[in-house]
Amino acid sequence: MIVSNPPYIKACKLKYLEKDVAKFEPKLALNGGLDGLSEIRKVIKKTSELIKKNGKFILEIGFDQKNKVINLLNREGFYINDTLKDLANNDRCIVSTKI
C-alpha cells in the first residue's frame, strides 16, 4: 500500500491561500506546478513502478483534479476503487488498485 499527499495547488493560486496555511506550510509542500499536477504525475509514475499487482494506492488531490488524476492513474495501470470527499464535500482522495 502506498499513501501519498503530494503538492497539488496551482502555482498561481498560492498567493490566495488562507493565512494559516500560507504562513505555516512550506511552499515546497504546496506548490504543484503550473497546472497543480506536476508532482502528482511524478508520484503516480513512481508508484506504478514500485507497487505490486493488486497493491493499493491512496492519493490526496485538489478539489478540481479528480477527472484528470483518474485519467493519469488509468494510463499507468490503476483501477479506481473509490473517490472520497472531505468535510466540505469536495473530492479529496482517490483509492486505486494496481492491475
PDB file of N, CA and C in Angstrom:
ATOM      1  N   MET A   1       0.841  -1.179   0.000  1.00  0.00           N
ATOM      2  CA  MET A   1       0.000   0.000   0.000  1.00  0.00           C
ATOM      3  C   MET A   1       0.887   1.242   0.000  1.00  0.00           C
ATOM      4  N   ILE A   2       0.501   2.192  -0.793  1.00  0.00           N
ATOM      5  CA  ILE A   2       1.177   3.486  -0.824  1.00  0.00           C
ATOM      6  C   ILE A   2       0.118   4.565  -0.618  1.00  0.00           C
ATOM      7  N   VAL A   3       0.394   5.471   0.293  1.00  0.00           N
ATOM      8  CA  VAL A   3      -0.474   6.619   0.565  1.00  0.00           C
ATOM      9  C   VAL A   3       0.362   7.868   0.320  1.00  0.00           C
ATOM     10  N   SER A   4      -0.182   8.804  -0.463  1.00  0.00           N
ATOM     11  CA  SER A   4       0.599   9.996  -0.793  1.00  0.00           C
ATOM     12  C   SER A   4      -0.254  11.258  -0.724  1.00  0.00           C
ATOM     13  N   ASN A   5       0.381  12.309  -0.259  1.00  0.00           N
ATOM     14  CA  ASN A   5      -0.222  13.637  -0.195  1.00  0.00           C
ATOM     15  C   ASN A   5       0.746  14.608  -0.872  1.00  0.00           C
ATOM     16  N   PRO A   6       0.857  14.519  -2.207  1.00  0.00           N
ATOM     17  CA  PRO A   6       1.811  15.395  -2.901  1.00  0.00           C
ATOM     18  C   PRO A   6       1.280  16.823  -2.995  1.00  0.00           C
ATOM     19  N   PRO A   7       2.159  17.778  -3.282  1.00  0.00           N
ATOM     20  CA  PRO A   7       1.691  19.147  -3.531  1.00  0.00           C
ATOM     21  C   PRO A   7       0.750  19.154  -4.726  1.00  0.00           C
ATOM     22  N   TYR A   8      -0.391  19.827  -4.611  1.00  0.00           N
ATOM     23  CA  TYR A   8      -1.361  19.820  -5.705  1.00  0.00           C
ATOM     24  C   TYR A   8      -1.988  21.190  -5.987  1.00  0.00           C
ATOM     25  N   ILE A   9      -1.472  22.230  -5.395  1.00  0.00           N
ATOM     26  CA  ILE A   9      -2.023  23.571  -5.606  1.00  0.00           C
ATOM     27  C   ILE A   9      -1.305  24.229  -6.774  1.00  0.00           C
ATOM     28  N   LYS A  10      -2.089  24.816  -7.677  1.00  0.00           N
ATOM     29  CA  LYS A  10      -1.505  25.527  -8.815  1.00  0.00           C
ATOM     30  C   LYS A  10      -0.638  26.675  -8.307  1.00  0.00           C
ATOM     31  N   ALA A  11       0.502  26.866  -8.940  1.00  0.00           N
ATOM     32  CA  ALA A  11       1.449  27.900  -8.516  1.00  0.00           C
ATOM     33  C   ALA A  11       0.797  29.281  -8.445  1.00  0.00           C
ATOM     34  N   CYS A  12      -0.066  29.590  -9.391  1.00  0.00           N
ATOM     35  CA  CYS A  12      -0.703  30.911  -9.423  1.00  0.00           C
ATOM     36  C   CYS A  12      -1.725  31.105  -8.302  1.00  0.00           C
ATOM     37  N   LYS A  13      -2.140  30.032  -7.646  1.00  0.00           N
ATOM     38  CA  LYS A  13      -3.128  30.115  -6.563  1.00  0.00           C
ATOM     39  C   LYS A  13      -2.496  30.214  -5.178  1.00  0.00           C
ATOM     40  N   LEU A  14      -1.184  30.025  -5.090  1.00  0.00           N
ATOM     41  CA  LEU A  14      -0.524  30.019  -3.780  1.00  0.00           C
ATOM     42  C   LEU A  14      -0.711  31.321  -3.013  1.00  0.00           C
ATOM     43  N   LYS A  15      -0.703  32.447  -3.720  1.00  0.00           N
ATOM     44  CA  LYS A  15      -0.820  33.731  -3.030  1.00  0.00           C
ATOM     45  C   LYS A  15      -2.227  33.988  -2.479  1.00  0.00           C
ATOM     46  N   TYR A  16      -3.198  33.150  -2.858  1.00  0.00           N
ATOM     47  CA  TYR A  16      -4.571  33.323  -2.391  1.00  0.00           C
ATOM     48  C   TYR A  16      -4.950  32.360  -1.264  1.00  0.00           C
ATOM     49  N   LEU A  17      -3.992  31.602  -0.783  1.00  0.00           N
ATOM     50  CA  LEU A  17      -4.270  30.658   0.293  1.00  0.00           C
ATOM     51  C   LEU A  17      -4.613  31.389   1.589  1.00  0.00           C
ATOM     52  N   GLU A  18      -5.354  30.706   2.442  1.00  0.00           N
ATOM     53  CA  GLU A  18      -5.666  31.269   3.751  1.00  0.00           C
ATOM     54  C   GLU A  18      -4.365  31.489   4.515  1.00  0.00           C
ATOM     55  N   LYS A  19      -4.330  32.523   5.346  1.00  0.00           N
ATOM     56  CA  LYS A  19      -3.108  32.890   6.054  1.00  0.00           C
ATOM     57  C   LYS A  19      -2.564  31.772   6.931  1.00  0.00           C
ATOM     58  N   ASP A  20      -3.447  31.013   7.584  1.00  0.00           N
ATOM     59  CA  ASP A  20      -2.964  29.947   8.462  1.00  0.00           C
ATOM     60  C   ASP A  20      -2.262  28.844   7.683  1.00  0.00           C
ATOM     61  N   VAL A  21      -2.583  28.679   6.418  1.00  0.00           N
ATOM     62  CA  VAL A  21      -1.890  27.709   5.568  1.00  0.00           C
ATOM     63  C   VAL A  21      -0.608  28.326   5.011  1.00  0.00           C
ATOM     64  N   ALA A  22      -0.730  29.503   4.432  1.00  0.00           N
ATOM     65  CA  ALA A  22       0.403  30.155   3.766  1.00  0.00           C
ATOM     66  C   ALA A  22       1.564  30.455   4.719  1.00  0.00           C
ATOM     67  N   LYS A  23       1.264  30.796   5.971  1.00  0.00           N
ATOM     68  CA  LYS A  23       2.317  31.169   6.913  1.00  0.00           C
ATOM     69  C   LYS A  23       3.042  29.970   7.523  1.00  0.00           C
ATOM     70  N   PHE A  24       2.360  28.826   7.616  1.00  0.00           N
ATOM     71  CA  PHE A  24       2.931  27.709   8.356  1.00  0.00           C
ATOM     72  C   PHE A  24       3.346  26.509   7.507  1.00  0.00           C
ATOM     73  N   GLU A  25       2.844  26.417   6.295  1.00  0.00           N
ATOM     74  CA  GLU A  25       3.213  25.306   5.414  1.00  0.00           C
ATOM     75  C   GLU A  25       4.318  25.758   4.462  1.00  0.00           C
ATOM     76  N   PRO A  26       5.366  24.958   4.293  1.00  0.00           N
ATOM     77  CA  PRO A  26       6.404  25.335   3.328  1.00  0.00           C
ATOM     78  C   PRO A  26       5.859  25.314   1.906  1.00  0.00           C
ATOM     79  N   LYS A  27       6.303  26.258   1.101  1.00  0.00           N
ATOM     80  CA  LYS A  27       5.844  26.337  -0.298  1.00  0.00           C
ATOM     81  C   LYS A  27       6.086  25.021  -1.030  1.00  0.00           C
ATOM     82  N   LEU A  28       7.181  24.367  -0.731  1.00  0.00           N
ATOM     83  CA  LEU A  28       7.520  23.094  -1.360  1.00  0.00           C
ATOM     84  C   LEU A  28       6.424  22.048  -1.134  1.00  0.00           C
ATOM     85  N   ALA A  29       5.752  22.123  -0.011  1.00  0.00           N
ATOM     86  CA  ALA A  29       4.698  21.163   0.314  1.00  0.00           C
ATOM     87  C   ALA A  29       3.370  21.511  -0.345  1.00  0.00           C
ATOM     88  N   LEU A  30       3.272  22.683  -0.935  1.00  0.00           N
ATOM     89  CA  LEU A  30       2.015  23.151  -1.518  1.00  0.00           C
ATOM     90  C   LEU A  30       2.053  23.290  -3.035  1.00  0.00           C
ATOM     91  N   ASN A  31       3.203  23.682  -3.582  1.00  0.00           N
ATOM     92  CA  ASN A  31       3.309  24.053  -4.989  1.00  0.00           C
ATOM     93  C   ASN A  31       3.284  22.836  -5.915  1.00  0.00           C
ATOM     94  N   GLY A  32       2.182  22.683  -6.629  1.00  0.00           N
ATOM     95  CA  GLY A  32       2.007  21.581  -7.575  1.00  0.00           C
ATOM     96  C   GLY A  32       2.347  21.950  -9.003  1.00  0.00           C
ATOM     97  N   GLY A  33       3.030  23.068  -9.195  1.00  0.00           N
ATOM     98  CA  GLY A  33       3.409  23.480 -10.546  1.00  0.00           C
ATOM     99  C   GLY A  33       2.328  24.300 -11.222  1.00  0.00           C
ATOM    100  N   LEU A  34       2.525  24.557 -12.503  1.00  0.00           N
ATOM    101  CA  LEU A  34       1.602  25.425 -13.240  1.00  0.00           C
ATOM    102  C   LEU A  34       0.168  24.910 -13.247  1.00  0.00           C
ATOM    103  N   ASP A  35      -0.018  23.620 -13.441  1.00  0.00           N
ATOM    104  CA  ASP A  35      -1.369  23.069 -13.501  1.00  0.00           C
ATOM    105  C   ASP A  35      -1.789  22.353 -12.221  1.00  0.00           C
ATOM    106  N   GLY A  36      -0.902  22.319 -11.232  1.00  0.00           N
ATOM    107  CA  GLY A  36      -1.196  21.640  -9.979  1.00  0.00           C
ATOM    108  C   GLY A  36      -0.992  20.136 -10.030  1.00  0.00           C
ATOM    109  N   LEU A  37      -0.573  19.630 -11.180  1.00  0.00           N
ATOM    110  CA  LEU A  37      -0.453  18.189 -11.353  1.00  0.00           C
ATOM    111  C   LEU A  37       0.974  17.694 -11.552  1.00  0.00           C
ATOM    112  N   SER A  38       1.946  18.570 -11.581  1.00  0.00           N
ATOM    113  CA  SER A  38       3.310  18.144 -11.909  1.00  0.00           C
ATOM    114  C   SER A  38       3.853  17.138 -10.899  1.00  0.00           C
ATOM    115  N   GLU A  39       3.649  17.364  -9.615  1.00  0.00           N
ATOM    116  CA  GLU A  39       4.133  16.422  -8.605  1.00  0.00           C
ATOM    117  C   GLU A  39       3.265  15.168  -8.565  1.00  0.00           C
ATOM    118  N   ILE A  40       1.981  15.321  -8.813  1.00  0.00           N
ATOM    119  CA  ILE A  40       1.079  14.165  -8.853  1.00  0.00           C
ATOM    120  C   ILE A  40       1.500  13.213  -9.970  1.00  0.00           C
ATOM    121  N   ARG A  41       1.843  13.757 -11.132  1.00  0.00           N
ATOM    122  CA  ARG A  41       2.315  12.915 -12.247  1.00  0.00           C
ATOM    123  C   ARG A  41       3.539  12.096 -11.827  1.00  0.00           C
ATOM    124  N   LYS A  42       4.483  12.755 -11.158  1.00  0.00           N
ATOM    125  CA  LYS A  42       5.701  12.066 -10.713  1.00  0.00           C
ATOM    126  C   LYS A  42       5.378  10.951  -9.722  1.00  0.00           C
ATOM    127  N   VAL A  43       4.497  11.241  -8.776  1.00  0.00           N
ATOM    128  CA  VAL A  43       4.139  10.250  -7.759  1.00  0.00           C
ATOM    129  C   VAL A  43       3.435   9.055  -8.399  1.00  0.00           C
ATOM    130  N   ILE A  44       2.525   9.311  -9.322  1.00  0.00           N
ATOM    131  CA  ILE A  44       1.813   8.219  -9.984  1.00  0.00           C
ATOM    132  C   ILE A  44       2.784   7.357 -10.780  1.00  0.00           C
ATOM    133  N   LYS A  45       3.678   7.983 -11.522  1.00  0.00           N
ATOM    134  CA  LYS A  45       4.653   7.241 -12.328  1.00  0.00           C
ATOM    135  C   LYS A  45       5.533   6.357 -11.442  1.00  0.00           C
ATOM    136  N   LYS A  46       6.089   6.925 -10.387  1.00  0.00           N
ATOM    137  CA  LYS A  46       6.980   6.170  -9.494  1.00  0.00           C
ATOM    138  C   LYS A  46       6.214   5.068  -8.761  1.00  0.00           C
ATOM    139  N   THR A  47       4.996   5.357  -8.334  1.00  0.00           N
ATOM    140  CA  THR A  47       4.180   4.353  -7.660  1.00  0.00           C
ATOM    141  C   THR A  47       3.889   3.193  -8.591  1.00  0.00           C
ATOM    142  N   SER A  48       3.597   3.493  -9.846  1.00  0.00           N
ATOM    143  CA  SER A  48       3.331   2.444 -10.833  1.00  0.00           C
ATOM    144  C   SER A  48       4.519   1.497 -10.979  1.00  0.00           C
ATOM    145  N   GLU A  49       5.723   2.028 -10.851  1.00  0.00           N
ATOM    146  CA  GLU A  49       6.936   1.215 -10.956  1.00  0.00           C
ATOM    147  C   GLU A  49       7.191   0.393  -9.688  1.00  0.00           C
ATOM    148  N   LEU A  50       6.828   0.929  -8.523  1.00  0.00           N
ATOM    149  CA  LEU A  50       7.161   0.306  -7.246  1.00  0.00           C
ATOM    150  C   LEU A  50       6.114  -0.668  -6.714  1.00  0.00           C
ATOM    151  N   ILE A  51       4.867  -0.381  -6.972  1.00  0.00           N
ATOM    152  CA  ILE A  51       3.800  -1.144  -6.331  1.00  0.00           C
ATOM    153  C   ILE A  51       3.557  -2.473  -7.065  1.00  0.00           C
ATOM    154  N   LYS A  52       3.228  -3.491  -6.288  1.00  0.00           N
ATOM    155  CA  LYS A  52       2.940  -4.808  -6.854  1.00  0.00           C
ATOM    156  C   LYS A  52       1.507  -4.864  -7.375  1.00  0.00           C
ATOM    157  N   LYS A  53       1.237  -5.849  -8.232  1.00  0.00           N
ATOM    158  CA  LYS A  53      -0.107  -6.091  -8.727  1.00  0.00           C
ATOM    159  C   LYS A  53      -1.036  -6.282  -7.530  1.00  0.00           C
ATOM    160  N   ASN A  54      -2.195  -5.688  -7.599  1.00  0.00           N
ATOM    161  CA  ASN A  54      -3.223  -5.687  -6.543  1.00  0.00           C
ATOM    162  C   ASN A  54      -2.858  -4.809  -5.348  1.00  0.00           C
ATOM    163  N   GLY A  55      -1.745  -4.067  -5.427  1.00  0.00           N
ATOM    164  CA  GLY A  55      -1.388  -3.137  -4.365  1.00  0.00           C
ATOM    165  C   GLY A  55      -2.308  -1.924  -4.379  1.00  0.00           C
ATOM    166  N   LYS A  56      -2.606  -1.407  -3.214  1.00  0.00           N
ATOM    167  CA  LYS A  56      -3.486  -0.240  -3.079  1.00  0.00           C
ATOM    168  C   LYS A  56      -2.675   1.049  -3.099  1.00  0.00           C
ATOM    169  N   PHE A  57      -3.244   2.061  -3.736  1.00  0.00           N
ATOM    170  CA  PHE A  57      -2.634   3.391  -3.827  1.00  0.00           C
ATOM    171  C   PHE A  57      -3.704   4.414  -3.468  1.00  0.00           C
ATOM    172  N   ILE A  58      -3.450   5.183  -2.421  1.00  0.00           N
ATOM    173  CA  ILE A  58      -4.377   6.224  -1.985  1.00  0.00           C
ATOM    174  C   ILE A  58      -3.685   7.563  -2.168  1.00  0.00           C
ATOM    175  N   LEU A  59      -4.328   8.447  -2.898  1.00  0.00           N
ATOM    176  CA  LEU A  59      -3.720   9.708  -3.318  1.00  0.00           C
ATOM    177  C   LEU A  59      -4.627  10.879  -2.977  1.00  0.00           C
ATOM    178  N   GLU A  60      -4.085  11.857  -2.252  1.00  0.00           N
ATOM    179  CA  GLU A  60      -4.838  13.080  -1.993  1.00  0.00           C
ATOM    180  C   GLU A  60      -4.727  13.997  -3.202  1.00  0.00           C
ATOM    181  N   ILE A  61      -5.844  14.641  -3.552  1.00  0.00           N
ATOM    182  CA  ILE A  61      -5.899  15.516  -4.728  1.00  0.00           C
ATOM    183  C   ILE A  61      -6.571  16.834  -4.379  1.00  0.00           C
ATOM    184  N   GLY A  62      -6.447  17.791  -5.286  1.00  0.00           N
ATOM    185  CA  GLY A  62      -7.172  19.045  -5.162  1.00  0.00           C
ATOM    186  C   GLY A  62      -8.632  18.837  -5.540  1.00  0.00           C
ATOM    187  N   PHE A  63      -9.497  19.705  -5.064  1.00  0.00           N
ATOM    188  CA  PHE A  63     -10.941  19.534  -5.245  1.00  0.00           C
ATOM    189  C   PHE A  63     -11.377  19.497  -6.706  1.00  0.00           C
ATOM    190  N   ASP A  64     -10.582  20.068  -7.609  1.00  0.00           N
ATOM    191  CA  ASP A  64     -10.965  20.148  -9.023  1.00  0.00           C
ATOM    192  C   ASP A  64     -10.108  19.252  -9.926  1.00  0.00           C
ATOM    193  N   GLN A  65      -9.421  18.280  -9.351  1.00  0.00           N
ATOM    194  CA  GLN A  65      -8.477  17.471 -10.118  1.00  0.00           C
ATOM    195  C   GLN A  65      -8.914  16.030 -10.347  1.00  0.00           C
ATOM    196  N   LYS A  66     -10.067  15.650  -9.860  1.00  0.00           N
ATOM    197  CA  LYS A  66     -10.488  14.252  -9.880  1.00  0.00           C
ATOM    198  C   LYS A  66     -10.396  13.612 -11.267  1.00  0.00           C
ATOM    199  N   ASN A  67     -11.028  14.181 -12.252  1.00  0.00           N
ATOM    200  CA  ASN A  67     -11.071  13.555 -13.582  1.00  0.00           C
ATOM    201  C   ASN A  67      -9.695  13.457 -14.224  1.00  0.00           C
ATOM    202  N   LYS A  68      -8.897  14.487 -14.099  1.00  0.00           N
ATOM    203  CA  LYS A  68      -7.548  14.460 -14.681  1.00  0.00           C
ATOM    204  C   LYS A  68      -6.680  13.410 -14.004  1.00  0.00           C
ATOM    205  N   VAL A  69      -6.771  13.315 -12.689  1.00  0.00           N
ATOM    206  CA  VAL A  69      -5.957  12.345 -11.956  1.00  0.00           C
ATOM    207  C   VAL A  69      -6.430  10.923 -12.251  1.00  0.00           C
ATOM    208  N   ILE A  70      -7.721  10.709 -12.355  1.00  0.00           N
ATOM    209  CA  ILE A  70      -8.232   9.380 -12.718  1.00  0.00           C
ATOM    210  C   ILE A  70      -7.679   8.956 -14.077  1.00  0.00           C
ATOM    211  N   ASN A  71      -7.653   9.871 -15.031  1.00  0.00           N
ATOM    212  CA  ASN A  71      -7.088   9.553 -16.351  1.00  0.00           C
ATOM    213  C   ASN A  71      -5.612   9.186 -16.243  1.00  0.00           C
ATOM    214  N   LEU A  72      -4.851   9.938 -15.440  1.00  0.00           N
ATOM    215  CA  LEU A  72      -3.431   9.630 -15.245  1.00  0.00           C
ATOM    216  C   LEU A  72      -3.257   8.247 -14.616  1.00  0.00           C
ATOM    217  N   LEU A  73      -4.056   7.946 -13.618  1.00  0.00           N
ATOM    218  CA  LEU A  73      -3.976   6.645 -12.952  1.00  0.00           C
ATOM    219  C   LEU A  73      -4.319   5.505 -13.916  1.00  0.00           C
ATOM    220  N   ASN A  74      -5.374   5.683 -14.684  1.00  0.00           N
ATOM    221  CA  ASN A  74      -5.761   4.648 -15.640  1.00  0.00           C
ATOM    222  C   ASN A  74      -4.648   4.376 -16.651  1.00  0.00           C
ATOM    223  N   ARG A  75      -4.007   5.417 -17.134  1.00  0.00           N
ATOM    224  CA  ARG A  75      -2.912   5.251 -18.103  1.00  0.00           C
ATOM    225  C   ARG A  75      -1.722   4.502 -17.517  1.00  0.00           C
ATOM    226  N   GLU A  76      -1.556   4.575 -16.197  1.00  0.00           N
ATOM    227  CA  GLU A  76      -0.445   3.878 -15.542  1.00  0.00           C
ATOM    228  C   GLU A  76      -0.854   2.520 -14.978  1.00  0.00           C
ATOM    229  N   GLY A  77      -2.044   2.052 -15.342  1.00  0.00           N
ATOM    230  CA  GLY A  77      -2.447   0.701 -14.957  1.00  0.00           C
ATOM    231  C   GLY A  77      -3.118   0.568 -13.607  1.00  0.00           C
ATOM    232  N   PHE A  78      -3.862   1.571 -13.201  1.00  0.00           N
ATOM    233  CA  PHE A  78      -4.582   1.517 -11.934  1.00  0.00           C
ATOM    234  C   PHE A  78      -6.089   1.450 -12.178  1.00  0.00           C
ATOM    235  N   TYR A  79      -6.756   0.659 -11.365  1.00  0.00           N
ATOM    236  CA  TYR A  79      -8.212   0.597 -11.342  1.00  0.00           C
ATOM    237  C   TYR A  79      -8.683   1.506 -10.211  1.00  0.00           C
ATOM    238  N   ILE A  80      -9.694   2.315 -10.463  1.00  0.00           N
ATOM    239  CA  ILE A  80     -10.205   3.244  -9.455  1.00  0.00           C
ATOM    240  C   ILE A  80     -11.264   2.541  -8.612  1.00  0.00           C
ATOM    241  N   ASN A  81     -10.974   2.386  -7.316  1.00  0.00           N
ATOM    242  CA  ASN A  81     -11.911   1.755  -6.393  1.00  0.00           C
ATOM    243  C   ASN A  81     -12.946   2.730  -5.862  1.00  0.00           C
ATOM    244  N   ASP A  82     -12.486   3.946  -5.540  1.00  0.00           N
ATOM    245  CA  ASP A  82     -13.383   4.895  -4.891  1.00  0.00           C
ATOM    246  C   ASP A  82     -12.766   6.287  -4.919  1.00  0.00           C
ATOM    247  N   THR A  83     -13.612   7.285  -4.821  1.00  0.00           N
ATOM    248  CA  THR A  83     -13.158   8.650  -4.579  1.00  0.00           C
ATOM    249  C   THR A  83     -13.827   9.100  -3.282  1.00  0.00           C
ATOM    250  N   LEU A  84     -13.063   9.794  -2.458  1.00  0.00           N
ATOM    251  CA  LEU A  84     -13.553  10.217  -1.151  1.00  0.00           C
ATOM    252  C   LEU A  84     -13.630  11.731  -1.078  1.00  0.00           C
ATOM    253  N   LYS A  85     -14.605  12.212  -0.358  1.00  0.00           N
ATOM    254  CA  LYS A  85     -14.797  13.652  -0.201  1.00  0.00           C
ATOM    255  C   LYS A  85     -14.324  14.103   1.177  1.00  0.00           C
ATOM    256  N   ASP A  86     -13.941  15.378   1.268  1.00  0.00           N
ATOM    257  CA  ASP A  86     -13.560  15.938   2.566  1.00  0.00           C
ATOM    258  C   ASP A  86     -14.815  16.447   3.286  1.00  0.00           C
ATOM    259  N   LEU A  87     -14.626  17.086   4.420  1.00  0.00           N
ATOM    260  CA  LEU A  87     -15.773  17.553   5.204  1.00  0.00           C
ATOM    261  C   LEU A  87     -16.569  18.661   4.519  1.00  0.00           C
ATOM    262  N   ALA A  88     -15.944  19.337   3.553  1.00  0.00           N
ATOM    263  CA  ALA A  88     -16.643  20.377   2.798  1.00  0.00           C
ATOM    264  C   ALA A  88     -17.303  19.805   1.541  1.00  0.00           C
ATOM    265  N   ASN A  89     -17.318  18.476   1.429  1.00  0.00           N
ATOM    266  CA  ASN A  89     -17.919  17.758   0.310  1.00  0.00           C
ATOM    267  C   ASN A  89     -17.167  17.958  -1.015  1.00  0.00           C
ATOM    268  N   ASN A  90     -15.871  18.245  -0.928  1.00  0.00           N
ATOM    269  CA  ASN A  90     -15.021  18.345  -2.115  1.00  0.00           C
ATOM    270  C   ASN A  90     -14.304  17.020  -2.336  1.00  0.00           C
ATOM    271  N   ASP A  91     -14.115  16.636  -3.602  1.00  0.00           N
ATOM    272  CA  ASP A  91     -13.320  15.450  -3.903  1.00  0.00           C
ATOM    273  C   ASP A  91     -11.929  15.657  -3.321  1.00  0.00           C
ATOM    274  N   ARG A  92     -11.422  14.660  -2.551  1.00  0.00           N
ATOM    275  CA  ARG A  92     -10.145  14.862  -1.873  1.00  0.00           C
ATOM    276  C   ARG A  92      -9.177  13.687  -2.005  1.00  0.00           C
ATOM    277  N   CYS A  93      -9.656  12.457  -2.108  1.00  0.00           N
ATOM    278  CA  CYS A  93      -8.770  11.291  -2.228  1.00  0.00           C
ATOM    279  C   CYS A  93      -9.297  10.330  -3.277  1.00  0.00           C
ATOM    280  N   ILE A  94      -8.364   9.651  -3.909  1.00  0.00           N
ATOM    281  CA  ILE A  94      -8.701   8.587  -4.841  1.00  0.00           C
ATOM    282  C   ILE A  94      -8.040   7.309  -4.329  1.00  0.00           C
ATOM    283  N   VAL A  95      -8.842   6.265  -4.207  1.00  0.00           N
ATOM    284  CA  VAL A  95      -8.354   4.954  -3.810  1.00  0.00           C
ATOM    285  C   VAL A  95      -8.308   4.098  -5.068  1.00  0.00           C
ATOM    286  N   SER A  96      -7.129   3.517  -5.339  1.00  0.00           N
ATOM    287  CA  SER A  96      -6.980   2.736  -6.563  1.00  0.00           C
ATOM    288  C   SER A  96      -6.193   1.464  -6.286  1.00  0.00           C
ATOM    289  N   THR A  97      -6.233   0.550  -7.263  1.00  0.00           N
ATOM    290  CA  THR A  97      -5.522  -0.727  -7.173  1.00  0.00           C
ATOM    291  C   THR A  97      -4.725  -0.928  -8.450  1.00  0.00           C
ATOM    292  N   LYS A  98      -3.484  -1.358  -8.318  1.00  0.00           N
ATOM    293  CA  LYS A  98      -2.633  -1.661  -9.475  1.00  0.00           C
ATOM    294  C   LYS A  98      -3.143  -2.946 -10.132  1.00  0.00           C
ATOM    295  N   ILE A  99      -3.395  -2.878 -11.436  1.00  0.00           N
ATOM    296  CA  ILE A  99      -3.881  -4.067 -12.163  1.00  0.00           C
ATOM    297  C   ILE A  99      -2.822  -4.611 -13.107  1.00  0.00           C
TER     298      ILE A  99
END
